[in-house]
Amino acid sequence: MMLLTPKTMMLVGFALVLIGALMPFLMVMHLIPTTFLLAFLAYAASLGGLILGLLGAALYARERRG
């Protein structure tokens, strides 16, 4: 039994990519402090979101195919 459906995986992946893009923007605008940990978390969120979104899209295509 899958914990996440493919559509949910894509939505969570999109949210993570969005967070991974917004955090560096906020750091550049000096709205949040620039630290190594926050920069690493932004990178990890972006990479994790990309992988999760691609996996969700692949599973969705496989599910729709039959």
C-alpha atoms as a PDB file:
ATOM      1  CA  MET A   1       0.000   0.000   0.000  1.00  0.00           C
ATOM      2  CA  MET A   2       1.387   3.377  -1.010  1.00  0.00           C
ATOM      3  CA  LEU A   3       1.524   6.128   1.565  1.00  0.00           C
ATOM      4  CA  LEU A   4       1.367   8.884  -1.047  1.00  0.00           C
ATOM      5  CA  THR A   5      -0.538   8.898  -4.306  1.00  0.00           C
ATOM      6  CA  PRO A   6       1.344  10.128  -7.389  1.00  0.00           C
ATOM      7  CA  LYS A   7      -0.620  13.397  -7.427  1.00  0.00           C
ATOM      8  CA  THR A   8       0.215  14.012  -3.770  1.00  0.00           C
ATOM      9  CA  MET A   9       3.871  13.268  -4.458  1.00  0.00           C
ATOM     10  CA  MET A  10       3.891  15.845  -7.247  1.00  0.00           C
ATOM     11  CA  LEU A  11       2.216  18.458  -5.040  1.00  0.00           C
ATOM     12  CA  VAL A  12       4.636  17.885  -2.175  1.00  0.00           C
ATOM     13  CA  GLY A  13       7.531  17.972  -4.657  1.00  0.00           C
ATOM     14  CA  PHE A  14       6.297  21.278  -6.058  1.00  0.00           C
ATOM     15  CA  ALA A  15       6.000  22.732  -2.554  1.00  0.00           C
ATOM     16  CA  LEU A  16       9.553  21.632  -1.712  1.00  0.00           C
ATOM     17  CA  VAL A  17      10.955  23.119  -4.927  1.00  0.00           C
ATOM     18  CA  LEU A  18       9.091  26.345  -4.205  1.00  0.00           C
ATOM     19  CA  ILE A  19      10.538  26.473  -0.675  1.00  0.00           C
ATOM     20  CA  GLY A  20      13.976  25.700  -2.109  1.00  0.00           C
ATOM     21  CA  ALA A  21      13.655  28.704  -4.423  1.00  0.00           C
ATOM     22  CA  LEU A  22      12.125  31.119  -1.926  1.00  0.00           C
ATOM     23  CA  MET A  23      14.631  30.576   0.874  1.00  0.00           C
ATOM     24  CA  PRO A  24      17.689  31.802  -1.098  1.00  0.00           C
ATOM     25  CA  PHE A  25      15.642  34.741  -2.410  1.00  0.00           C
ATOM     26  CA  LEU A  26      14.745  35.725   1.139  1.00  0.00           C
ATOM     27  CA  MET A  27      18.382  35.331   2.151  1.00  0.00           C
ATOM     28  CA  VAL A  28      19.517  37.645  -0.651  1.00  0.00           C
ATOM     29  CA  MET A  29      16.891  40.219   0.333  1.00  0.00           C
ATOM     30  CA  HIS A  30      18.177  39.976   3.965  1.00  0.00           C
ATOM     31  CA  LEU A  31      14.756  39.030   5.301  1.00  0.00           C
ATOM     32  CA  ILE A  32      16.158  35.865   6.873  1.00  0.00           C
ATOM     33  CA  PRO A  33      19.765  35.411   7.994  1.00  0.00           C
ATOM     34  CA  THR A  34      22.179  33.693   5.648  1.00  0.00           C
ATOM     35  CA  THR A  35      23.606  30.657   7.371  1.00  0.00           C
ATOM     36  CA  PHE A  36      25.178  27.489   6.091  1.00  0.00           C
ATOM     37  CA  LEU A  37      22.369  25.409   7.606  1.00  0.00           C
ATOM     38  CA  LEU A  38      19.609  27.393   5.905  1.00  0.00           C
ATOM     39  CA  ALA A  39      21.436  27.321   2.588  1.00  0.00           C
ATOM     40  CA  PHE A  40      21.890  23.558   2.886  1.00  0.00           C
ATOM     41  CA  LEU A  41      18.213  23.096   3.809  1.00  0.00           C
ATOM     42  CA  ALA A  42      17.166  25.161   0.789  1.00  0.00           C
ATOM     43  CA  TYR A  43      19.343  23.006  -1.467  1.00  0.00           C
ATOM     44  CA  ALA A  44      18.045  19.793   0.111  1.00  0.00           C
ATOM     45  CA  ALA A  45      14.427  20.931  -0.239  1.00  0.00           C
ATOM     46  CA  SER A  46      14.956  21.821  -3.876  1.00  0.00           C
ATOM     47  CA  LEU A  47      16.694  18.564  -4.718  1.00  0.00           C
ATOM     48  CA  GLY A  48      14.244  16.459  -2.721  1.00  0.00           C
ATOM     49  CA  GLY A  49      11.293  18.203  -4.325  1.00  0.00           C
ATOM     50  CA  LEU A  50      12.689  17.640  -7.788  1.00  0.00           C
ATOM     51  CA  ILE A  51      13.221  13.932  -7.134  1.00  0.00           C
ATOM     52  CA  LEU A  52       9.828  13.507  -5.478  1.00  0.00           C
ATOM     53  CA  GLY A  53       8.050  15.374  -8.273  1.00  0.00           C
ATOM     54  CA  LEU A  54       9.739  13.337 -10.989  1.00  0.00           C
ATOM     55  CA  LEU A  55       8.966  10.108  -9.170  1.00  0.00           C
ATOM     56  CA  GLY A  56       5.338  11.156  -8.760  1.00  0.00           C
ATOM     57  CA  ALA A  57       5.076  12.057 -12.447  1.00  0.00           C
ATOM     58  CA  ALA A  58       6.573   8.714 -13.481  1.00  0.00           C
ATOM     59  CA  LEU A  59       4.202   6.798 -11.231  1.00  0.00           C
ATOM     60  CA  TYR A  60       1.261   8.851 -12.478  1.00  0.00           C
ATOM     61  CA  ALA A  61       2.154   8.100 -16.108  1.00  0.00           C
ATOM     62  CA  ARG A  62       2.583   4.406 -15.328  1.00  0.00           C
ATOM     63  CA  GLU A  63      -0.770   4.353 -13.524  1.00  0.00           C
ATOM     64  CA  ARG A  64      -2.572   6.088 -16.392  1.00  0.00           C
ATOM     65  CA  ARG A  65      -1.010   3.807 -18.992  1.00  0.00           C
ATOM     66  CA  GLY A  66      -2.730   0.749 -17.680  1.00  0.00           C
END
